[in-house]
Amino acid sequence: MPGSVVLAGRYELREVLGRGGMADVYDGWDQRLARAVAVKVLRPEMASEPQTRRRFESEARLAATLNHPNVVAVHDSGDDHGAPYIVMERLPGRTLLDDLLAGPLPAPRARTILTQTLDALGAAHAAGILHRDIKPGNILFDADGTVKVTDFGIAKRADTDHTTAGEVLGTVAYLSPDRITGKPASVTDDLYAVGVVGYEALAGHRPYTGDTILSLAHAIVHGHHEPLTAGRPDLDPTLIAVIERALSRDPQQRFATAAQMRNALANPRRMPPPPTRVVTSIPAAAVPLGPPAQPRRSPGAGVIIGAVAAVLVTIALLALAVASQDEGSTIGSTSVPPPTAPIPSSYLARAPAPPATMISSEPIAPAPEIVAPDDTAPGAGVDTGGGNGNQGGGNQGNGRGGPGNGGNGNGGNGGGGRGNGGGN
């Protein structure tokens, strides 16, 4: 497509800056305004899917409503002979993902990046938009090193809901425990993701890891991460406290707003205490002492049921795998995979053992939401990496894992690059 192709009689497509799971991002030239742009084009096979087209168009509309110095600007969008496209600000910089390849960041630099990311999220939340896919590949830098958040491909408006009940969408490693278990998305989920990014920036690795999506999800929901002080004894305890609070499993214990977390980073010693959690005890009589008696069944029945369960789990994991590409496998992250079902909590409870019934004596109140239902497309696809499709850093457009702001300017979550690289 690059070279001689001109979209809408205006946008010349040059080299590919990044490729995502659903879209490609090109180095473009606006012939009318004589300026460099990044052009994200939905792939033909994806453009034929109505739900994908709606989500792609929603990304353009949502991002275009935000006018903030820390958000990648969307200049235009349209459809050229059945090829939907988004024209974005072209950035010559890199992504945070590129920087982290060199190791942990100095605390002052990490604090600045987190602060500017929270400024961008504060503007989005004020407009009623949840990002739902904050990760290093979607945090870009302009020539001056200023943060530019990109990839609103799986974002959701406050007055709409692209996600049906139970769907889990977003990059798995940065999803909150409540999102993994199917709770509705909320502001605190974006802030949890900022906490993961902060931990990774300071420690040089993510707080939770896993060899598979299932084991990673289990670790996020039930595991314990290594204290930041283990590898960074030089860190200010107050900075660590901010990160740890953002990573709280209980959404009510996290920061309530992006501004609150930002202020805590700026003045950690004045950080407001988390709200008091009310724990409701469950009467002993309400908790069964043993498993209920099971009716006898033929030996063949157990085999059949086990096979069906295995198939269902395999389907769920395959759906998650498609939606959650590894951050090192693709460039950018505007990629928005199809909706996927939440990982069954029974499997998260005791992996890799067979599913077991869980009984909790401490119900947790649901996370506060700013989002109401929307009938467009599911809003954040589960993906293990990726970026946005607009600015990229080092390797061909920010794209280690998902489409997205890659490369030079509108790329994605990707490895490095040439700017504007990922894709949807």
Protein backbone atom coordinates (compact mmCIF):
# COMPACT_ATOMS: atom_id res chain seq x y z
CA MET A 1 0.00 0.00 0.00
CA PRO A 2 2.75 2.56 0.77
CA GLY A 3 4.39 4.65 -1.93
CA SER A 4 1.78 5.62 -4.47
CA VAL A 5 -1.33 5.33 -2.31
CA VAL A 6 -3.16 8.51 -1.35
CA LEU A 7 -6.17 8.19 0.96
CA ALA A 8 -9.14 10.48 0.43
CA GLY A 9 -7.12 12.38 -2.16
CA ARG A 10 -5.10 13.91 0.65
CA TYR A 11 -3.04 11.56 2.82
CA GLU A 12 -0.04 9.99 1.11
CA LEU A 13 1.04 6.71 2.66
CA ARG A 14 4.75 6.04 2.78
CA GLU A 15 6.51 3.32 4.75
CA VAL A 16 4.87 1.13 7.35
CA LEU A 17 5.78 2.26 10.83
CA GLY A 18 4.13 -0.56 12.70
CA ARG A 19 1.72 -3.45 12.38
CA GLY A 20 -0.81 -4.47 14.95
CA GLY A 21 -3.34 -7.23 15.19
CA MET A 22 -6.01 -5.21 13.42
CA ALA A 23 -4.45 -2.21 11.73
CA ASP A 24 -1.24 -0.90 10.22
CA VAL A 25 0.25 2.51 10.90
CA TYR A 26 1.97 4.40 8.10
CA ASP A 27 4.31 7.30 7.88
CA GLY A 28 2.01 9.75 6.12
CA TRP A 29 2.05 13.14 4.48
CA ASP A 30 -0.91 15.51 4.53
CA GLN A 31 -0.76 17.00 1.04
CA ARG A 32 -3.28 19.71 1.85
CA LEU A 33 -1.56 21.06 4.97
CA ALA A 34 1.97 19.97 4.01
CA ARG A 35 2.75 18.23 7.28
CA ALA A 36 3.86 14.82 8.47
CA VAL A 37 1.16 12.64 10.00
CA ALA A 38 0.69 9.08 11.15
CA VAL A 39 -2.12 7.21 9.43
CA LYS A 40 -3.65 4.12 10.98
CA VAL A 41 -5.51 1.95 8.46
CA LEU A 42 -7.76 -0.93 9.42
CA ARG A 43 -6.79 -4.11 7.61
CA PRO A 44 -9.21 -5.35 4.90
CA GLU A 45 -9.99 -8.58 6.74
CA MET A 46 -10.86 -6.58 9.86
CA ALA A 47 -12.76 -3.87 8.01
CA SER A 48 -15.29 -6.49 6.94
CA GLU A 49 -16.30 -7.09 10.56
CA PRO A 50 -18.98 -4.58 11.65
CA GLN A 51 -18.06 -4.76 15.33
CA THR A 52 -14.40 -4.08 14.60
CA ARG A 53 -15.27 -1.16 12.34
CA ARG A 54 -17.47 0.35 15.04
CA ARG A 55 -14.70 0.05 17.61
CA PHE A 56 -12.18 1.59 15.23
CA GLU A 57 -14.51 4.50 14.51
CA SER A 58 -15.21 4.88 18.22
CA GLU A 59 -11.48 5.20 18.87
CA ALA A 60 -11.27 8.14 16.48
CA ARG A 61 -14.28 9.87 18.02
CA LEU A 62 -13.16 9.41 21.60
CA ALA A 63 -9.56 10.46 21.05
CA ALA A 64 -10.67 13.46 18.99
CA THR A 65 -12.67 14.79 21.95
CA LEU A 66 -9.49 15.11 24.00
CA ASN A 67 -7.34 18.18 23.55
CA HIS A 68 -4.52 17.79 26.03
CA PRO A 69 -0.73 18.18 25.77
CA ASN A 70 -0.23 14.66 27.13
CA VAL A 71 -2.61 12.94 24.69
CA VAL A 72 -1.70 12.05 21.10
CA ALA A 73 -3.83 14.29 18.88
CA VAL A 74 -6.23 12.89 16.30
CA HIS A 75 -6.48 15.16 13.26
CA ASP A 76 -8.94 13.36 11.03
CA SER A 77 -10.65 10.07 10.26
CA GLY A 78 -12.60 8.64 7.39
CA ASP A 79 -13.19 5.79 5.00
CA ASP A 80 -11.48 5.42 1.64
CA HIS A 81 -13.13 2.81 -0.57
CA GLY A 82 -13.96 0.61 2.40
CA ALA A 83 -10.68 1.23 4.23
CA PRO A 84 -11.31 3.04 7.54
CA TYR A 85 -8.41 5.23 8.65
CA ILE A 86 -7.38 7.58 11.46
CA VAL A 87 -4.94 10.44 10.95
CA MET A 88 -2.88 11.23 14.02
CA GLU A 89 -0.15 13.50 15.26
CA ARG A 90 3.23 12.25 14.05
CA LEU A 91 5.74 11.96 16.85
CA PRO A 92 9.46 11.57 16.31
CA GLY A 93 10.01 10.12 19.75
CA ARG A 94 9.92 6.74 21.41
CA THR A 95 7.81 4.84 23.92
CA LEU A 96 8.30 4.07 27.58
CA LEU A 97 8.58 0.46 26.51
CA ASP A 98 11.73 1.33 24.59
CA ASP A 99 13.23 3.06 27.62
CA LEU A 100 12.47 0.11 29.91
CA LEU A 101 14.43 -2.22 27.65
CA ALA A 102 17.53 -0.52 29.04
CA GLY A 103 16.53 -1.22 32.64
CA PRO A 104 14.90 0.58 35.58
CA LEU A 105 14.49 4.34 35.45
CA PRO A 106 15.80 6.88 37.94
CA ALA A 107 13.08 7.69 40.46
CA PRO A 108 12.73 11.37 39.40
CA ARG A 109 12.22 10.38 35.76
CA ALA A 110 9.70 7.69 36.66
CA ARG A 111 7.81 10.15 38.85
CA THR A 112 7.63 12.67 35.98
CA ILE A 113 6.35 10.06 33.52
CA LEU A 114 3.69 8.84 35.93
CA THR A 115 2.62 12.39 36.72
CA GLN A 116 2.14 13.31 33.06
CA THR A 117 0.36 10.04 32.36
CA LEU A 118 -2.03 10.81 35.21
CA ASP A 119 -2.57 14.29 33.77
CA ALA A 120 -3.66 12.67 30.50
CA LEU A 121 -5.94 10.22 32.30
CA GLY A 122 -7.39 13.00 34.41
CA ALA A 123 -8.43 14.79 31.22
CA ALA A 124 -9.89 11.60 29.77
CA HIS A 125 -11.80 10.75 32.94
CA ALA A 126 -13.12 14.30 33.15
CA ALA A 127 -14.51 13.78 29.65
CA GLY A 128 -16.08 10.52 30.78
CA ILE A 129 -13.57 8.29 29.01
CA LEU A 130 -11.78 5.29 30.50
CA HIS A 131 -8.60 4.32 28.66
CA ARG A 132 -8.50 0.67 29.81
CA ASP A 133 -5.18 -0.18 28.18
CA ILE A 134 -2.49 1.86 29.92
CA LYS A 135 0.91 0.20 29.47
CA PRO A 136 4.47 1.25 28.51
CA GLY A 137 3.85 0.80 24.79
CA ASN A 138 0.96 3.29 24.93
CA ILE A 139 3.01 5.93 26.72
CA LEU A 140 4.95 7.82 24.07
CA PHE A 141 7.36 10.74 24.14
CA ASP A 142 7.70 13.70 21.84
CA ALA A 143 11.03 15.23 20.86
CA ASP A 144 11.22 17.06 24.20
CA GLY A 145 10.51 13.95 26.26
CA THR A 146 6.95 14.98 27.11
CA VAL A 147 4.54 12.08 27.66
CA LYS A 148 1.89 11.45 25.02
CA VAL A 149 -0.71 8.82 25.87
CA THR A 150 -2.13 7.00 22.89
CA ASP A 151 -4.29 4.06 21.87
CA PHE A 152 -7.85 4.81 22.81
CA GLY A 153 -8.92 1.87 20.66
CA ILE A 154 -10.48 0.06 23.59
CA ALA A 155 -11.47 3.12 25.58
CA LYS A 156 -15.01 3.57 26.79
CA ARG A 157 -17.23 6.60 27.32
CA ALA A 158 -19.03 7.25 30.55
CA ASP A 159 -22.38 7.38 28.79
CA THR A 160 -21.82 4.23 26.77
CA ASP A 161 -20.57 0.72 27.33
CA HIS A 162 -18.82 -1.23 24.61
CA THR A 163 -18.34 -4.16 26.91
CA THR A 164 -21.04 -6.65 27.70
CA ALA A 165 -21.29 -8.13 31.16
CA GLY A 166 -18.36 -10.37 32.02
CA GLU A 167 -16.04 -9.42 29.19
CA VAL A 168 -12.40 -8.86 30.06
CA LEU A 169 -10.52 -6.58 27.70
CA GLY A 170 -7.12 -4.95 27.91
CA THR A 171 -3.51 -6.02 28.26
CA VAL A 172 -3.48 -8.86 30.78
CA ALA A 173 -0.30 -7.87 32.65
CA TYR A 174 -1.79 -4.44 33.38
CA LEU A 175 -5.35 -5.52 34.17
CA SER A 176 -6.57 -5.12 37.73
CA PRO A 177 -7.72 -8.20 39.67
CA ASP A 178 -11.31 -6.97 39.52
CA ARG A 179 -11.21 -6.63 35.73
CA ILE A 180 -9.74 -10.11 35.32
CA THR A 181 -12.60 -11.55 37.35
CA GLY A 182 -15.16 -9.74 35.21
CA LYS A 183 -16.03 -6.69 37.30
CA PRO A 184 -17.15 -3.53 35.46
CA ALA A 185 -14.38 -1.19 34.37
CA SER A 186 -13.80 1.91 36.48
CA VAL A 187 -11.40 4.79 37.06
CA THR A 188 -9.50 2.71 39.59
CA ASP A 189 -8.61 0.18 36.87
CA ASP A 190 -6.74 2.85 34.89
CA LEU A 191 -4.99 3.90 38.10
CA TYR A 192 -4.08 0.30 38.89
CA ALA A 193 -2.45 0.08 35.46
CA VAL A 194 -0.47 3.24 36.23
CA GLY A 195 0.68 1.50 39.41
CA VAL A 196 1.89 -1.50 37.39
CA VAL A 197 3.70 0.82 34.98
CA GLY A 198 5.29 2.64 37.92
CA TYR A 199 6.42 -0.60 39.53
CA GLU A 200 7.88 -1.79 36.23
CA ALA A 201 9.65 1.51 35.62
CA LEU A 202 11.29 1.39 39.05
CA ALA A 203 11.95 -2.35 39.37
CA GLY A 204 12.74 -3.16 35.76
CA HIS A 205 10.11 -5.90 35.66
CA ARG A 206 6.38 -6.24 36.18
CA PRO A 207 4.98 -7.05 39.62
CA TYR A 208 3.37 -10.27 38.40
CA THR A 209 4.50 -12.72 35.75
CA GLY A 210 3.35 -16.05 34.39
CA ASP A 211 4.28 -18.52 31.68
CA THR A 212 0.72 -18.54 30.39
CA ILE A 213 -2.19 -16.13 30.41
CA LEU A 214 -3.92 -18.30 32.99
CA SER A 215 -0.94 -18.41 35.35
CA LEU A 216 -0.41 -14.67 34.94
CA ALA A 217 -4.06 -13.98 35.72
CA HIS A 218 -3.86 -16.25 38.76
CA ALA A 219 -0.79 -14.41 40.02
CA ILE A 220 -2.50 -11.03 39.63
CA VAL A 221 -5.60 -12.17 41.48
CA HIS A 222 -3.95 -14.26 44.21
CA GLY A 223 -0.17 -13.80 44.14
CA HIS A 224 2.20 -11.47 46.00
CA HIS A 225 4.72 -9.29 44.24
CA GLU A 226 8.28 -8.68 45.32
CA PRO A 227 8.69 -5.47 47.36
CA LEU A 228 10.20 -2.62 45.36
CA THR A 229 12.84 -2.23 48.05
CA ALA A 230 14.22 -5.68 47.20
CA GLY A 231 15.90 -4.35 44.10
CA ARG A 232 15.81 -0.60 44.75
CA PRO A 233 16.78 0.14 48.35
CA ASP A 234 17.46 3.70 47.21
CA LEU A 235 13.79 4.48 46.61
CA ASP A 236 11.91 6.97 48.75
CA PRO A 237 9.47 5.00 50.96
CA THR A 238 6.77 7.56 50.24
CA LEU A 239 7.08 6.94 46.50
CA ILE A 240 6.81 3.21 47.12
CA ALA A 241 3.69 3.83 49.21
CA VAL A 242 2.01 5.56 46.26
CA ILE A 243 2.78 2.65 43.92
CA GLU A 244 1.67 0.05 46.45
CA ARG A 245 -1.62 1.81 47.07
CA ALA A 246 -2.32 1.96 43.34
CA LEU A 247 -1.67 -1.81 43.19
CA SER A 248 -4.12 -2.64 45.96
CA ARG A 249 -6.30 -5.63 45.13
CA ASP A 250 -9.28 -3.91 46.70
CA PRO A 251 -10.38 -1.13 44.31
CA GLN A 252 -11.72 0.86 47.25
CA GLN A 253 -8.23 1.01 48.71
CA ARG A 254 -6.75 2.55 45.56
CA PHE A 255 -6.77 6.22 44.68
CA ALA A 256 -10.22 7.49 43.76
CA THR A 257 -9.10 9.85 40.98
CA ALA A 258 -6.12 10.49 38.75
CA ALA A 259 -5.71 13.91 40.37
CA GLN A 260 -5.53 12.32 43.81
CA MET A 261 -2.77 9.94 42.72
CA ARG A 262 -0.96 12.74 40.92
CA ASN A 263 -1.02 14.90 44.03
CA ALA A 264 0.27 11.99 46.10
CA LEU A 265 3.23 11.66 43.74
CA ALA A 266 3.94 15.37 44.03
CA ASN A 267 3.42 15.48 47.81
CA PRO A 268 3.65 11.88 49.03
CA ARG A 269 3.80 12.88 52.68
CA ARG A 270 0.37 14.46 52.31
CA MET A 271 -1.21 11.44 50.66
CA PRO A 272 -4.74 10.96 51.99
CA PRO A 273 -5.35 7.65 53.75
CA PRO A 274 -7.41 5.05 51.91
CA PRO A 275 -11.05 4.71 52.96
CA THR A 276 -11.79 2.39 55.83
CA ARG A 277 -12.85 -0.99 54.59
CA VAL A 278 -15.88 -2.54 56.22
CA VAL A 279 -15.60 -6.31 56.44
CA THR A 280 -18.80 -8.25 56.86
CA SER A 281 -18.34 -11.57 58.62
CA ILE A 282 -20.28 -14.58 57.44
CA PRO A 283 -21.98 -16.75 60.07
CA ALA A 284 -20.28 -20.10 60.42
CA ALA A 285 -23.54 -21.84 59.62
CA ALA A 286 -23.54 -20.20 56.22
CA VAL A 287 -20.27 -21.83 55.24
CA PRO A 288 -20.65 -25.47 54.23
CA LEU A 289 -18.28 -27.77 56.11
CA GLY A 290 -17.75 -30.05 53.19
CA PRO A 291 -18.66 -30.55 49.58
CA PRO A 292 -22.29 -31.44 48.91
CA ALA A 293 -23.05 -35.04 48.16
CA GLN A 294 -22.77 -35.81 44.48
CA PRO A 295 -25.16 -38.19 42.72
CA ARG A 296 -23.59 -41.34 41.34
CA ARG A 297 -22.91 -41.32 37.65
CA SER A 298 -21.44 -43.70 35.18
CA PRO A 299 -17.65 -43.63 34.64
CA GLY A 300 -18.22 -42.36 31.12
CA ALA A 301 -20.04 -39.28 32.39
CA GLY A 302 -16.96 -38.00 34.18
CA VAL A 303 -14.89 -38.37 31.05
CA ILE A 304 -17.44 -36.48 28.98
CA ILE A 305 -17.79 -33.66 31.49
CA GLY A 306 -14.03 -33.36 31.81
CA ALA A 307 -13.64 -33.21 28.06
CA VAL A 308 -16.30 -30.53 27.73
CA ALA A 309 -14.67 -28.49 30.50
CA ALA A 310 -11.29 -28.81 28.82
CA VAL A 311 -12.73 -27.63 25.53
CA LEU A 312 -14.39 -24.63 27.16
CA VAL A 313 -11.19 -23.65 28.95
CA THR A 314 -9.20 -24.08 25.75
CA ILE A 315 -11.61 -21.85 23.86
CA ALA A 316 -11.40 -19.20 26.57
CA LEU A 317 -7.61 -19.31 26.58
CA LEU A 318 -7.40 -19.17 22.80
CA ALA A 319 -9.67 -16.14 22.80
CA LEU A 320 -7.48 -14.52 25.42
CA ALA A 321 -4.33 -15.39 23.51
CA VAL A 322 -5.62 -13.82 20.32
CA ALA A 323 -6.66 -10.73 22.19
CA SER A 324 -3.56 -10.56 24.27
CA GLN A 325 -0.57 -10.74 22.02
CA ASP A 326 2.77 -10.79 23.76
CA GLU A 327 4.47 -7.44 23.95
CA GLY A 328 7.38 -8.76 21.98
CA SER A 329 5.36 -10.24 19.14
CA THR A 330 3.86 -7.24 17.41
CA ILE A 331 4.44 -3.59 16.92
CA GLY A 332 2.09 -1.05 18.33
CA SER A 333 -1.12 -1.53 20.20
CA THR A 334 -4.11 -0.04 18.63
CA SER A 335 -5.07 -3.57 18.10
CA VAL A 336 -8.43 -4.31 19.55
CA PRO A 337 -9.07 -8.03 19.69
CA PRO A 338 -12.55 -9.46 19.80
CA PRO A 339 -14.32 -9.55 23.16
CA THR A 340 -13.38 -12.40 25.39
CA ALA A 341 -15.00 -14.01 28.35
CA PRO A 342 -13.47 -13.51 31.79
CA ILE A 343 -11.12 -16.17 33.02
CA PRO A 344 -13.24 -18.43 35.23
CA SER A 345 -12.62 -17.58 38.85
CA SER A 346 -12.69 -21.28 39.68
CA TYR A 347 -9.56 -21.75 37.60
CA LEU A 348 -7.92 -18.67 39.03
CA ALA A 349 -8.52 -20.00 42.50
CA ARG A 350 -6.25 -23.00 42.22
CA ALA A 351 -4.21 -23.21 39.04
CA PRO A 352 -3.24 -25.62 37.71
CA ALA A 353 -5.43 -27.83 39.87
CA PRO A 354 -9.00 -28.60 38.76
CA PRO A 355 -11.56 -25.87 39.39
CA ALA A 356 -12.71 -25.57 42.96
CA THR A 357 -15.55 -23.66 44.57
CA MET A 358 -14.33 -20.56 46.37
CA ILE A 359 -15.88 -19.19 49.53
CA SER A 360 -14.90 -15.72 50.63
CA SER A 361 -15.61 -14.27 54.04
CA GLU A 362 -14.66 -10.77 52.97
CA PRO A 363 -16.85 -9.52 50.15
CA ILE A 364 -15.32 -6.56 48.41
CA ALA A 365 -17.46 -3.72 47.21
CA PRO A 366 -17.31 -3.17 43.44
CA ALA A 367 -14.99 -0.51 42.08
CA PRO A 368 -16.50 2.91 41.49
CA GLU A 369 -17.46 3.42 37.87
CA ILE A 370 -17.79 6.35 35.57
CA VAL A 371 -19.01 4.20 32.78
CA ALA A 372 -22.53 3.43 31.76
CA PRO A 373 -23.58 0.94 29.11
CA ASP A 374 -22.71 1.59 25.45
CA ASP A 375 -23.87 -0.37 22.51
CA THR A 376 -20.90 0.12 20.28
CA ALA A 377 -18.18 -2.45 20.43
CA PRO A 378 -16.63 -4.14 23.40
CA GLY A 379 -14.19 -1.82 24.86
CA ALA A 380 -10.84 -3.16 25.72
CA GLY A 381 -9.50 -6.31 24.33
CA VAL A 382 -7.41 -8.61 26.33
CA ASP A 383 -3.93 -8.53 25.09
CA THR A 384 -0.66 -9.22 26.75
CA GLY A 385 1.24 -6.42 25.26
CA GLY A 386 0.99 -3.95 22.56
CA GLY A 387 0.64 -0.36 22.02
CA ASN A 388 -1.48 1.96 20.20
CA GLY A 389 -0.62 2.49 16.73
CA ASN A 390 0.61 5.94 16.83
CA GLN A 391 4.08 6.72 17.98
CA GLY A 392 6.75 4.32 18.23
CA GLY A 393 10.01 4.19 19.77
CA GLY A 394 12.78 1.99 18.86
CA ASN A 395 11.98 -1.01 16.81
CA GLN A 396 9.66 -0.25 14.06
CA GLY A 397 7.15 1.60 15.94
CA ASN A 398 6.57 0.78 19.47
CA GLY A 399 5.26 -2.52 19.09
CA ARG A 400 6.27 -5.41 21.15
CA GLY A 401 2.85 -6.51 21.81
CA GLY A 402 -0.12 -5.07 20.34
CA PRO A 403 -1.00 -2.66 17.77
CA GLY A 404 -0.56 0.78 18.70
CA ASN A 405 1.36 3.89 18.68
CA GLY A 406 4.45 2.57 17.39
CA GLY A 407 7.46 4.02 16.00
CA ASN A 408 7.69 7.62 15.52
CA GLY A 409 4.62 8.95 16.54
CA ASN A 410 1.29 7.28 16.63
CA GLY A 411 2.52 3.74 16.89
CA GLY A 412 1.72 1.31 19.49
CA ASN A 413 2.95 -0.72 22.13
CA GLY A 414 5.78 -1.98 20.47
CA GLY A 415 9.29 -2.45 20.65
CA GLY A 416 10.83 0.47 19.27
CA GLY A 417 10.81 1.95 16.27
CA ARG A 418 10.45 4.11 13.62
CA GLY A 419 7.72 6.15 14.91
CA ASN A 420 3.98 6.04 14.73
CA GLY A 421 3.99 2.40 14.49
CA GLY A 422 1.45 0.03 15.94
CA GLY A 423 -1.92 -0.51 14.78
CA ASN A 424 -5.27 -1.35 15.89
